[in-house]
Amino acid sequence: MFNVFNRSRSASSNKFGENCRKVNYDKNGGTVLYQAIEQRQWKSVISRIRHSPHEVSTYVYRIDESDNRGAKFRFMILPLHAAVMRQPPTLVVSTLIALYSLAVSKKCDGDLPLHVALKHGASLDVIHTLLLSFPEASEIVDEDGHKPLKIFQSNILLWQSESERDSISKLLKDGIDEIKYDDSKLDVKKKDDGSVKSGEVDLKTTINDEGWKQSGLSVIVIGASGDLAKKKTYPSLLRLFEDNLLPADTIIWGFARSPIKHEDLRNRLKPFLTKAGNFSSNTIDEFLSRCYYQQGQ
């Protein structure tokens, strides 16, 4: 957890608007989207944006209860601001902006997303995307009264590539219309299968390198023969399965009092899974092959 938003303000402040969605980090750990961003699980971020787009515009906040003068915000942050401080793929930044374009012009604790990106060494592609979406940001000061160029110059050692430093400097001085990319130096590559490798993160394969993805998982669904399981629980597990968000060795055990067998459960589930979304028959069949049943009291 990056605790960089440490300038306190009254927790009763209406600065962010009465109607904005807010989630308390200490009570909920933030939104699911925020948690995925915090852990740099970029494929999970893209999947969550698709399934719960409202979280893109939801603030996550933390309150400092130790202040004798009353509760103060330790931070209040949008997903875009949280992402750009963690070396995100450009695709993630572009998707967050596409779903909530106002975020690129919103200040969280005095900083625009561009300010945050420059304080954490974001890639040239990310910085270009932020400026392309909100060109006026190049002239807006941060919480300390510094413009983006000054912020970049103060943190220039965060970028190891001299060519990237020069490009970012030129971009901040001259604007987005003046910069010319050398395609041979762009950190975006096409793979043999046609997928795009953005930055250092291949969104198609990164998740397979995460520790939890390599382990096994056993899920037990209580009341597996009931309507709630058929209409909600199993379809939700199917969505995770389709998005490759379950370990490879996942098995799902249904438990209920009904005297049925494995194949009976699968036959009962299939019509509900077919109606639950635009899933291919192969995906549904492969998912059902991992579903088993145990009768009990």
C-alpha atoms as a PDB file:
ATOM      1  CA  MET A   1       0.000   0.000   0.000  1.00  0.00           C
ATOM      2  CA  PHE A   2       1.484   3.355  -1.036  1.00  0.00           C
ATOM      3  CA  ASN A   3       0.781   5.874   1.718  1.00  0.00           C
ATOM      4  CA  VAL A   4       1.689   8.936  -0.354  1.00  0.00           C
ATOM      5  CA  PHE A   5      -1.579  10.822   0.059  1.00  0.00           C
ATOM      6  CA  ASN A   6      -0.869  12.064   3.549  1.00  0.00           C
ATOM      7  CA  ARG A   7      -2.180  15.600   3.590  1.00  0.00           C
ATOM      8  CA  SER A   8      -5.134  15.562   5.935  1.00  0.00           C
ATOM      9  CA  ARG A   9      -8.507  17.133   5.291  1.00  0.00           C
ATOM     10  CA  SER A  10     -11.756  16.945   7.205  1.00  0.00           C
ATOM     11  CA  ALA A  11     -13.513  13.661   6.620  1.00  0.00           C
ATOM     12  CA  SER A  12     -16.770  15.560   6.446  1.00  0.00           C
ATOM     13  CA  SER A  13     -15.500  17.674   3.551  1.00  0.00           C
ATOM     14  CA  ASN A  14     -17.822  17.854   0.559  1.00  0.00           C
ATOM     15  CA  LYS A  15     -14.984  18.569  -1.844  1.00  0.00           C
ATOM     16  CA  PHE A  16     -15.546  15.346  -3.727  1.00  0.00           C
ATOM     17  CA  GLY A  17     -19.299  15.850  -4.096  1.00  0.00           C
ATOM     18  CA  GLU A  18     -22.225  14.359  -2.279  1.00  0.00           C
ATOM     19  CA  ASN A  19     -23.080  11.874  -5.006  1.00  0.00           C
ATOM     20  CA  CYS A  20     -19.666  10.335  -5.647  1.00  0.00           C
ATOM     21  CA  ARG A  21     -19.236   6.676  -4.731  1.00  0.00           C
ATOM     22  CA  LYS A  22     -16.805   6.068  -1.868  1.00  0.00           C
ATOM     23  CA  VAL A  23     -15.471   2.905  -0.243  1.00  0.00           C
ATOM     24  CA  ASN A  24     -13.565   2.806   3.056  1.00  0.00           C
ATOM     25  CA  TYR A  25     -10.207   1.060   2.634  1.00  0.00           C
ATOM     26  CA  ASP A  26     -10.008  -0.005   6.291  1.00  0.00           C
ATOM     27  CA  LYS A  27     -13.458  -1.585   6.326  1.00  0.00           C
ATOM     28  CA  ASN A  28     -13.511  -3.164   2.884  1.00  0.00           C
ATOM     29  CA  GLY A  29      -9.941  -3.105   1.589  1.00  0.00           C
ATOM     30  CA  GLY A  30     -11.219  -0.791  -1.119  1.00  0.00           C
ATOM     31  CA  THR A  31     -13.108  -1.986  -4.171  1.00  0.00           C
ATOM     32  CA  VAL A  32     -12.160  -5.229  -5.908  1.00  0.00           C
ATOM     33  CA  LEU A  33     -10.776  -3.091  -8.743  1.00  0.00           C
ATOM     34  CA  TYR A  34      -8.624  -1.088  -6.336  1.00  0.00           C
ATOM     35  CA  GLN A  35      -7.272  -4.260  -4.732  1.00  0.00           C
ATOM     36  CA  ALA A  36      -6.284  -5.645  -8.148  1.00  0.00           C
ATOM     37  CA  ILE A  37      -4.530  -2.357  -8.992  1.00  0.00           C
ATOM     38  CA  GLU A  38      -2.767  -2.320  -5.623  1.00  0.00           C
ATOM     39  CA  GLN A  39      -1.423  -5.834  -6.307  1.00  0.00           C
ATOM     40  CA  ARG A  40      -0.546  -4.986  -9.941  1.00  0.00           C
ATOM     41  CA  GLN A  41      -2.696  -7.843 -11.246  1.00  0.00           C
ATOM     42  CA  TRP A  42      -3.322  -6.086 -14.542  1.00  0.00           C
ATOM     43  CA  LYS A  43      -5.346  -8.774 -16.257  1.00  0.00           C
ATOM     44  CA  SER A  44      -7.604  -8.934 -13.222  1.00  0.00           C
ATOM     45  CA  VAL A  45      -7.960  -5.151 -13.479  1.00  0.00           C
ATOM     46  CA  ILE A  46      -9.173  -5.380 -17.079  1.00  0.00           C
ATOM     47  CA  SER A  47     -11.585  -8.171 -16.193  1.00  0.00           C
ATOM     48  CA  ARG A  48     -12.978  -6.257 -13.223  1.00  0.00           C
ATOM     49  CA  ILE A  49     -13.483  -3.113 -15.307  1.00  0.00           C
ATOM     50  CA  ARG A  50     -15.514  -5.153 -17.767  1.00  0.00           C
ATOM     51  CA  HIS A  51     -17.730  -6.749 -15.119  1.00  0.00           C
ATOM     52  CA  SER A  52     -18.041  -3.786 -12.689  1.00  0.00           C
ATOM     53  CA  PRO A  53     -17.428  -0.542 -14.640  1.00  0.00           C
ATOM     54  CA  HIS A  54     -18.915   1.586 -11.833  1.00  0.00           C
ATOM     55  CA  GLU A  55     -15.805   0.893  -9.743  1.00  0.00           C
ATOM     56  CA  VAL A  56     -13.734   2.968 -12.209  1.00  0.00           C
ATOM     57  CA  SER A  57     -15.373   6.120 -10.817  1.00  0.00           C
ATOM     58  CA  THR A  58     -15.459   4.973  -7.171  1.00  0.00           C
ATOM     59  CA  TYR A  59     -13.152   6.698  -4.684  1.00  0.00           C
ATOM     60  CA  VAL A  60     -11.277   4.625  -2.119  1.00  0.00           C
ATOM     61  CA  TYR A  61     -10.479   6.502   1.068  1.00  0.00           C
ATOM     62  CA  ARG A  62      -8.775   6.000   4.388  1.00  0.00           C
ATOM     63  CA  ILE A  63      -9.432   7.980   7.553  1.00  0.00           C
ATOM     64  CA  ASP A  64      -6.885   8.918  10.215  1.00  0.00           C
ATOM     65  CA  GLU A  65      -8.768   8.551  13.506  1.00  0.00           C
ATOM     66  CA  SER A  66      -5.776   9.590  15.613  1.00  0.00           C
ATOM     67  CA  ASP A  67      -6.156  13.310  14.968  1.00  0.00           C
ATOM     68  CA  ASN A  68      -7.472  14.991  18.129  1.00  0.00           C
ATOM     69  CA  ARG A  69      -9.282  17.599  16.065  1.00  0.00           C
ATOM     70  CA  GLY A  70     -11.510  14.982  14.452  1.00  0.00           C
ATOM     71  CA  ALA A  71     -11.335  12.377  11.719  1.00  0.00           C
ATOM     72  CA  LYS A  72      -9.182  13.347   8.722  1.00  0.00           C
ATOM     73  CA  PHE A  73      -8.721  11.750   5.329  1.00  0.00           C
ATOM     74  CA  ARG A  74      -5.337  10.058   5.001  1.00  0.00           C
ATOM     75  CA  PHE A  75      -6.100   9.688   1.312  1.00  0.00           C
ATOM     76  CA  MET A  76      -8.998   9.638  -1.126  1.00  0.00           C
ATOM     77  CA  ILE A  77      -8.100   8.268  -4.521  1.00  0.00           C
ATOM     78  CA  LEU A  78      -9.559   7.175  -7.849  1.00  0.00           C
ATOM     79  CA  PRO A  79      -8.464   3.987  -9.653  1.00  0.00           C
ATOM     80  CA  LEU A  80      -6.675   5.963 -12.394  1.00  0.00           C
ATOM     81  CA  HIS A  81      -4.500   7.787  -9.855  1.00  0.00           C
ATOM     82  CA  ALA A  82      -3.785   4.515  -8.036  1.00  0.00           C
ATOM     83  CA  ALA A  83      -2.812   2.783 -11.278  1.00  0.00           C
ATOM     84  CA  VAL A  84      -0.391   5.364 -12.696  1.00  0.00           C
ATOM     85  CA  MET A  85       1.836   5.148  -9.606  1.00  0.00           C
ATOM     86  CA  ARG A  86       2.371   1.396 -10.145  1.00  0.00           C
ATOM     87  CA  GLN A  87       3.936   1.092 -13.615  1.00  0.00           C
ATOM     88  CA  PRO A  88       0.722   0.041 -15.383  1.00  0.00           C
ATOM     89  CA  PRO A  89       0.427  -1.133 -18.988  1.00  0.00           C
ATOM     90  CA  THR A  90      -0.843   1.644 -21.240  1.00  0.00           C
ATOM     91  CA  LEU A  91      -3.897  -0.462 -22.031  1.00  0.00           C
ATOM     92  CA  VAL A  92      -5.005  -0.292 -18.387  1.00  0.00           C
ATOM     93  CA  VAL A  93      -4.645   3.499 -18.279  1.00  0.00           C
ATOM     94  CA  SER A  94      -6.497   3.951 -21.577  1.00  0.00           C
ATOM     95  CA  THR A  95      -9.332   1.693 -20.416  1.00  0.00           C
ATOM     96  CA  LEU A  96      -9.727   3.526 -17.104  1.00  0.00           C
ATOM     97  CA  ILE A  97      -9.877   6.851 -18.934  1.00  0.00           C
ATOM     98  CA  ALA A  98     -12.334   5.519 -21.512  1.00  0.00           C
ATOM     99  CA  LEU A  99     -14.733   4.388 -18.783  1.00  0.00           C
ATOM    100  CA  TYR A 100     -14.433   7.571 -16.682  1.00  0.00           C
ATOM    101  CA  SER A 101     -12.870  10.371 -18.691  1.00  0.00           C
ATOM    102  CA  LEU A 102     -13.299  12.945 -15.903  1.00  0.00           C
ATOM    103  CA  ALA A 103     -10.717  11.116 -13.791  1.00  0.00           C
ATOM    104  CA  VAL A 104      -7.842  12.445 -15.901  1.00  0.00           C
ATOM    105  CA  SER A 105      -8.760  16.017 -14.853  1.00  0.00           C
ATOM    106  CA  LYS A 106      -9.578  15.208 -11.209  1.00  0.00           C
ATOM    107  CA  LYS A 107      -7.177  16.030  -8.405  1.00  0.00           C
ATOM    108  CA  CYS A 108      -6.785  13.541  -5.570  1.00  0.00           C
ATOM    109  CA  ASP A 109      -5.037  15.131  -2.595  1.00  0.00           C
ATOM    110  CA  GLY A 110      -3.915  17.969  -4.822  1.00  0.00           C
ATOM    111  CA  ASP A 111      -2.478  15.878  -7.675  1.00  0.00           C
ATOM    112  CA  LEU A 112      -3.751  15.093 -11.167  1.00  0.00           C
ATOM    113  CA  PRO A 113      -3.014  11.627 -12.583  1.00  0.00           C
ATOM    114  CA  LEU A 114      -0.212  13.227 -14.624  1.00  0.00           C
ATOM    115  CA  HIS A 115       1.419  14.594 -11.460  1.00  0.00           C
ATOM    116  CA  VAL A 116       1.198  11.172  -9.803  1.00  0.00           C
ATOM    117  CA  ALA A 117       2.623   9.437 -12.886  1.00  0.00           C
ATOM    118  CA  LEU A 118       5.606  11.795 -12.996  1.00  0.00           C
ATOM    119  CA  LYS A 119       6.311  11.289  -9.289  1.00  0.00           C
ATOM    120  CA  HIS A 120       6.452   7.509  -9.745  1.00  0.00           C
ATOM    121  CA  GLY A 121       8.354   7.071 -13.003  1.00  0.00           C
ATOM    122  CA  ALA A 122       5.489   6.057 -15.301  1.00  0.00           C
ATOM    123  CA  SER A 123       6.370   5.081 -18.855  1.00  0.00           C
ATOM    124  CA  LEU A 124       6.469   7.479 -21.787  1.00  0.00           C
ATOM    125  CA  ASP A 125       3.399   5.783 -23.262  1.00  0.00           C
ATOM    126  CA  VAL A 126       1.400   6.317 -20.074  1.00  0.00           C
ATOM    127  CA  ILE A 127       2.427   9.963 -19.785  1.00  0.00           C
ATOM    128  CA  HIS A 128       1.581  10.527 -23.450  1.00  0.00           C
ATOM    129  CA  THR A 129      -1.845   8.912 -22.929  1.00  0.00           C
ATOM    130  CA  LEU A 130      -2.588  11.171 -19.957  1.00  0.00           C
ATOM    131  CA  LEU A 131      -1.593  14.309 -21.861  1.00  0.00           C
ATOM    132  CA  LEU A 132      -3.463  13.244 -24.956  1.00  0.00           C
ATOM    133  CA  SER A 133      -6.603  12.862 -22.843  1.00  0.00           C
ATOM    134  CA  PHE A 134      -6.139  16.155 -20.972  1.00  0.00           C
ATOM    135  CA  PRO A 135      -3.549  18.465 -22.646  1.00  0.00           C
ATOM    136  CA  GLU A 136      -4.248  21.271 -20.162  1.00  0.00           C
ATOM    137  CA  ALA A 137      -2.600  19.163 -17.454  1.00  0.00           C
ATOM    138  CA  SER A 138       0.842  20.333 -18.630  1.00  0.00           C
ATOM    139  CA  GLU A 139       0.117  23.789 -17.185  1.00  0.00           C
ATOM    140  CA  ILE A 140      -1.642  22.778 -13.958  1.00  0.00           C
ATOM    141  CA  VAL A 141       0.328  22.775 -10.698  1.00  0.00           C
ATOM    142  CA  ASP A 142       0.386  19.976  -8.137  1.00  0.00           C
ATOM    143  CA  GLU A 143      -0.198  20.183  -4.380  1.00  0.00           C
ATOM    144  CA  ASP A 144       3.203  21.874  -3.927  1.00  0.00           C
ATOM    145  CA  GLY A 145       2.665  24.432  -6.693  1.00  0.00           C
ATOM    146  CA  HIS A 146       4.882  22.691  -9.268  1.00  0.00           C
ATOM    147  CA  LYS A 147       4.025  22.183 -12.929  1.00  0.00           C
ATOM    148  CA  PRO A 148       4.551  18.756 -14.564  1.00  0.00           C
ATOM    149  CA  LEU A 149       7.888  19.713 -16.156  1.00  0.00           C
ATOM    150  CA  LYS A 150       9.292  20.720 -12.762  1.00  0.00           C
ATOM    151  CA  ILE A 151       7.984  17.475 -11.217  1.00  0.00           C
ATOM    152  CA  PHE A 152       9.669  15.471 -13.985  1.00  0.00           C
ATOM    153  CA  GLN A 153      12.989  17.298 -13.583  1.00  0.00           C
ATOM    154  CA  SER A 154      12.916  16.641  -9.833  1.00  0.00           C
ATOM    155  CA  ASN A 155      12.379  12.910 -10.378  1.00  0.00           C
ATOM    156  CA  ILE A 156      14.335  12.389 -13.600  1.00  0.00           C
ATOM    157  CA  LEU A 157      16.446   9.553 -12.174  1.00  0.00           C
ATOM    158  CA  LEU A 158      13.332   7.346 -12.075  1.00  0.00           C
ATOM    159  CA  TRP A 159      13.761   6.849 -15.845  1.00  0.00           C
ATOM    160  CA  GLN A 160      16.860   4.855 -16.768  1.00  0.00           C
ATOM    161  CA  SER A 161      16.557   5.288 -20.525  1.00  0.00           C
ATOM    162  CA  GLU A 162      18.084   8.522 -21.784  1.00  0.00           C
ATOM    163  CA  SER A 163      15.924   8.443 -24.909  1.00  0.00           C
ATOM    164  CA  GLU A 164      12.782   8.104 -22.775  1.00  0.00           C
ATOM    165  CA  ARG A 165      13.894  11.008 -20.591  1.00  0.00           C
ATOM    166  CA  ASP A 166      14.434  13.171 -23.658  1.00  0.00           C
ATOM    167  CA  SER A 167      11.053  12.234 -25.115  1.00  0.00           C
ATOM    168  CA  ILE A 168       9.182  12.946 -21.879  1.00  0.00           C
ATOM    169  CA  SER A 169      10.976  16.267 -21.466  1.00  0.00           C
ATOM    170  CA  LYS A 170      10.097  17.272 -25.027  1.00  0.00           C
ATOM    171  CA  LEU A 171       6.521  16.126 -24.551  1.00  0.00           C
ATOM    172  CA  LEU A 172       6.092  18.269 -21.423  1.00  0.00           C
ATOM    173  CA  LYS A 173       7.798  21.296 -22.966  1.00  0.00           C
ATOM    174  CA  ASP A 174       6.328  21.248 -26.478  1.00  0.00           C
ATOM    175  CA  GLY A 175       3.048  19.372 -26.078  1.00  0.00           C
ATOM    176  CA  ILE A 176       1.652  16.215 -27.620  1.00  0.00           C
ATOM    177  CA  ASP A 177       1.615  17.548 -31.179  1.00  0.00           C
ATOM    178  CA  GLU A 178       5.376  17.964 -31.325  1.00  0.00           C
ATOM    179  CA  ILE A 179       6.631  14.584 -30.126  1.00  0.00           C
ATOM    180  CA  LYS A 180       7.573  11.988 -32.719  1.00  0.00           C
ATOM    181  CA  TYR A 181       7.974   8.397 -31.633  1.00  0.00           C
ATOM    182  CA  ASP A 182      10.646   6.094 -32.873  1.00  0.00           C
ATOM    183  CA  ASP A 183       8.636   2.888 -33.333  1.00  0.00           C
ATOM    184  CA  SER A 184      11.764   0.806 -32.845  1.00  0.00           C
ATOM    185  CA  LYS A 185      12.072   2.172 -29.300  1.00  0.00           C
ATOM    186  CA  LEU A 186       8.469   1.924 -28.250  1.00  0.00           C
ATOM    187  CA  ASP A 187       7.935  -0.575 -25.493  1.00  0.00           C
ATOM    188  CA  VAL A 188       4.952  -2.167 -27.240  1.00  0.00           C
ATOM    189  CA  LYS A 189       5.578  -5.382 -29.139  1.00  0.00           C
ATOM    190  CA  LYS A 190       3.519  -7.806 -31.155  1.00  0.00           C
ATOM    191  CA  LYS A 191       3.927 -11.476 -30.334  1.00  0.00           C
ATOM    192  CA  ASP A 192       3.819 -14.361 -32.754  1.00  0.00           C
ATOM    193  CA  ASP A 193       0.189 -15.083 -31.877  1.00  0.00           C
ATOM    194  CA  GLY A 194      -0.812 -11.478 -32.567  1.00  0.00           C
ATOM    195  CA  SER A 195      -1.343 -10.462 -28.955  1.00  0.00           C
ATOM    196  CA  VAL A 196       0.106  -7.158 -27.797  1.00  0.00           C
ATOM    197  CA  LYS A 197       2.811  -6.866 -25.229  1.00  0.00           C
ATOM    198  CA  SER A 198       2.394  -3.493 -23.526  1.00  0.00           C
ATOM    199  CA  GLY A 199       5.341  -2.199 -21.490  1.00  0.00           C
ATOM    200  CA  GLU A 200       6.926  -4.973 -19.523  1.00  0.00           C
ATOM    201  CA  VAL A 201       3.573  -6.628 -18.834  1.00  0.00           C
ATOM    202  CA  ASP A 202       2.031  -9.143 -21.199  1.00  0.00           C
ATOM    203  CA  LEU A 203      -1.625  -9.035 -20.206  1.00  0.00           C
ATOM    204  CA  LYS A 204      -2.239 -12.429 -21.794  1.00  0.00           C
ATOM    205  CA  THR A 205       0.377 -14.301 -19.806  1.00  0.00           C
ATOM    206  CA  THR A 206       1.235 -12.290 -16.677  1.00  0.00           C
ATOM    207  CA  ILE A 207      -1.511 -13.873 -14.629  1.00  0.00           C
ATOM    208  CA  ASN A 208      -0.008 -17.316 -15.243  1.00  0.00           C
ATOM    209  CA  ASP A 209       3.154 -16.208 -13.449  1.00  0.00           C
ATOM    210  CA  GLU A 210       1.345 -15.207 -10.261  1.00  0.00           C
ATOM    211  CA  GLY A 211       1.770 -17.586  -7.333  1.00  0.00           C
ATOM    212  CA  TRP A 212      -1.910 -18.257  -6.722  1.00  0.00           C
ATOM    213  CA  LYS A 213      -2.378 -19.218 -10.383  1.00  0.00           C
ATOM    214  CA  GLN A 214       0.131 -22.034  -9.992  1.00  0.00           C
ATOM    215  CA  SER A 215      -1.587 -23.600  -6.995  1.00  0.00           C
ATOM    216  CA  GLY A 216      -4.667 -25.796  -6.768  1.00  0.00           C
ATOM    217  CA  LEU A 217      -8.076 -24.687  -5.549  1.00  0.00           C
ATOM    218  CA  SER A 218     -11.062 -26.591  -4.187  1.00  0.00           C
ATOM    219  CA  VAL A 219     -14.366 -24.713  -4.014  1.00  0.00           C
ATOM    220  CA  ILE A 220     -17.275 -26.077  -1.967  1.00  0.00           C
ATOM    221  CA  VAL A 221     -20.742 -24.814  -2.874  1.00  0.00           C
ATOM    222  CA  ILE A 222     -23.198 -25.407  -0.041  1.00  0.00           C
ATOM    223  CA  GLY A 223     -26.756 -25.964  -1.245  1.00  0.00           C
ATOM    224  CA  ALA A 224     -25.526 -26.778  -4.732  1.00  0.00           C
ATOM    225  CA  SER A 225     -28.882 -28.113  -5.942  1.00  0.00           C
ATOM    226  CA  GLY A 226     -30.765 -24.935  -4.970  1.00  0.00           C
ATOM    227  CA  ASP A 227     -31.801 -21.958  -7.105  1.00  0.00           C
ATOM    228  CA  LEU A 228     -29.262 -19.551  -5.607  1.00  0.00           C
ATOM    229  CA  ALA A 229     -26.379 -21.822  -6.555  1.00  0.00           C
ATOM    230  CA  LYS A 230     -27.699 -22.456 -10.070  1.00  0.00           C
ATOM    231  CA  LYS A 231     -28.576 -18.844 -10.827  1.00  0.00           C
ATOM    232  CA  LYS A 232     -25.786 -16.986  -9.024  1.00  0.00           C
ATOM    233  CA  THR A 233     -22.931 -19.024  -7.572  1.00  0.00           C
ATOM    234  CA  TYR A 234     -22.090 -21.311 -10.485  1.00  0.00           C
ATOM    235  CA  PRO A 235     -22.499 -18.604 -13.170  1.00  0.00           C
ATOM    236  CA  SER A 236     -20.130 -16.371 -11.180  1.00  0.00           C
ATOM    237  CA  LEU A 237     -17.571 -19.165 -11.000  1.00  0.00           C
ATOM    238  CA  LEU A 238     -18.000 -19.729 -14.741  1.00  0.00           C
ATOM    239  CA  ARG A 239     -17.157 -16.066 -15.420  1.00  0.00           C
ATOM    240  CA  LEU A 240     -13.966 -16.395 -13.396  1.00  0.00           C
ATOM    241  CA  PHE A 241     -13.153 -19.594 -15.255  1.00  0.00           C
ATOM    242  CA  GLU A 242     -13.717 -17.971 -18.670  1.00  0.00           C
ATOM    243  CA  ASP A 243     -11.503 -15.010 -17.735  1.00  0.00           C
ATOM    244  CA  ASN A 244      -8.708 -17.367 -16.652  1.00  0.00           C
ATOM    245  CA  LEU A 245      -9.010 -16.117 -13.077  1.00  0.00           C
ATOM    246  CA  LEU A 246      -9.077 -19.546 -11.453  1.00  0.00           C
ATOM    247  CA  PRO A 247      -6.023 -21.761 -10.892  1.00  0.00           C
ATOM    248  CA  ALA A 248      -5.528 -24.449 -13.515  1.00  0.00           C
ATOM    249  CA  ASP A 249      -6.168 -27.215 -10.977  1.00  0.00           C
ATOM    250  CA  THR A 250      -9.523 -25.950  -9.730  1.00  0.00           C
ATOM    251  CA  ILE A 251     -12.277 -28.389  -8.768  1.00  0.00           C
ATOM    252  CA  ILE A 252     -15.732 -27.378  -7.554  1.00  0.00           C
ATOM    253  CA  TRP A 253     -17.628 -29.608  -5.148  1.00  0.00           C
ATOM    254  CA  GLY A 254     -21.362 -29.155  -4.726  1.00  0.00           C
ATOM    255  CA  PHE A 255     -22.848 -30.197  -1.395  1.00  0.00           C
ATOM    256  CA  ALA A 256     -26.576 -30.618  -0.661  1.00  0.00           C
ATOM    257  CA  ARG A 257     -29.173 -33.102   0.583  1.00  0.00           C
ATOM    258  CA  SER A 258     -30.531 -34.021  -2.858  1.00  0.00           C
ATOM    259  CA  PRO A 259     -29.734 -37.658  -3.807  1.00  0.00           C
ATOM    260  CA  ILE A 260     -28.077 -36.928  -7.149  1.00  0.00           C
ATOM    261  CA  LYS A 261     -24.793 -37.808  -8.844  1.00  0.00           C
ATOM    262  CA  HIS A 262     -22.063 -35.772 -10.532  1.00  0.00           C
ATOM    263  CA  GLU A 263     -23.668 -35.973 -13.968  1.00  0.00           C
ATOM    264  CA  ASP A 264     -27.086 -35.063 -12.595  1.00  0.00           C
ATOM    265  CA  LEU A 265     -25.688 -31.857 -11.130  1.00  0.00           C
ATOM    266  CA  ARG A 266     -24.000 -30.960 -14.409  1.00  0.00           C
ATOM    267  CA  ASN A 267     -27.210 -31.538 -16.355  1.00  0.00           C
ATOM    268  CA  ARG A 268     -29.131 -29.332 -13.938  1.00  0.00           C
ATOM    269  CA  LEU A 269     -26.568 -26.542 -14.106  1.00  0.00           C
ATOM    270  CA  LYS A 270     -26.087 -26.429 -17.871  1.00  0.00           C
ATOM    271  CA  PRO A 271     -29.333 -24.598 -18.824  1.00  0.00           C
ATOM    272  CA  PHE A 272     -28.651 -21.891 -16.244  1.00  0.00           C
ATOM    273  CA  LEU A 273     -25.054 -21.458 -17.363  1.00  0.00           C
ATOM    274  CA  THR A 274     -26.151 -21.217 -20.988  1.00  0.00           C
ATOM    275  CA  LYS A 275     -28.516 -18.366 -20.097  1.00  0.00           C
ATOM    276  CA  ALA A 276     -26.033 -16.622 -17.807  1.00  0.00           C
ATOM    277  CA  GLY A 277     -23.986 -14.991 -20.566  1.00  0.00           C
ATOM    278  CA  ASN A 278     -22.371 -15.315 -23.946  1.00  0.00           C
ATOM    279  CA  PHE A 279     -20.349 -18.398 -23.061  1.00  0.00           C
ATOM    280  CA  SER A 280     -19.310 -20.913 -25.699  1.00  0.00           C
ATOM    281  CA  SER A 281     -20.542 -24.488 -25.331  1.00  0.00           C
ATOM    282  CA  ASN A 282     -16.933 -25.669 -25.076  1.00  0.00           C
ATOM    283  CA  THR A 283     -16.257 -23.286 -22.176  1.00  0.00           C
ATOM    284  CA  ILE A 284     -19.383 -24.456 -20.358  1.00  0.00           C
ATOM    285  CA  ASP A 285     -18.555 -28.133 -20.900  1.00  0.00           C
ATOM    286  CA  GLU A 286     -14.979 -27.673 -19.729  1.00  0.00           C
ATOM    287  CA  PHE A 287     -16.194 -25.808 -16.647  1.00  0.00           C
ATOM    288  CA  LEU A 288     -18.773 -28.490 -15.845  1.00  0.00           C
ATOM    289  CA  SER A 289     -16.109 -31.180 -16.086  1.00  0.00           C
ATOM    290  CA  ARG A 290     -14.595 -29.618 -12.964  1.00  0.00           C
ATOM    291  CA  CYS A 291     -17.897 -29.757 -11.056  1.00  0.00           C
ATOM    292  CA  TYR A 292     -18.613 -32.656  -8.709  1.00  0.00           C
ATOM    293  CA  TYR A 293     -21.289 -33.471  -6.175  1.00  0.00           C
ATOM    294  CA  GLN A 294     -21.469 -34.899  -2.683  1.00  0.00           C
ATOM    295  CA  GLN A 295     -24.743 -35.647  -0.904  1.00  0.00           C
ATOM    296  CA  GLY A 296     -24.904 -34.841   2.780  1.00  0.00           C
ATOM    297  CA  GLN A 297     -27.024 -33.557   5.656  1.00  0.00           C
END
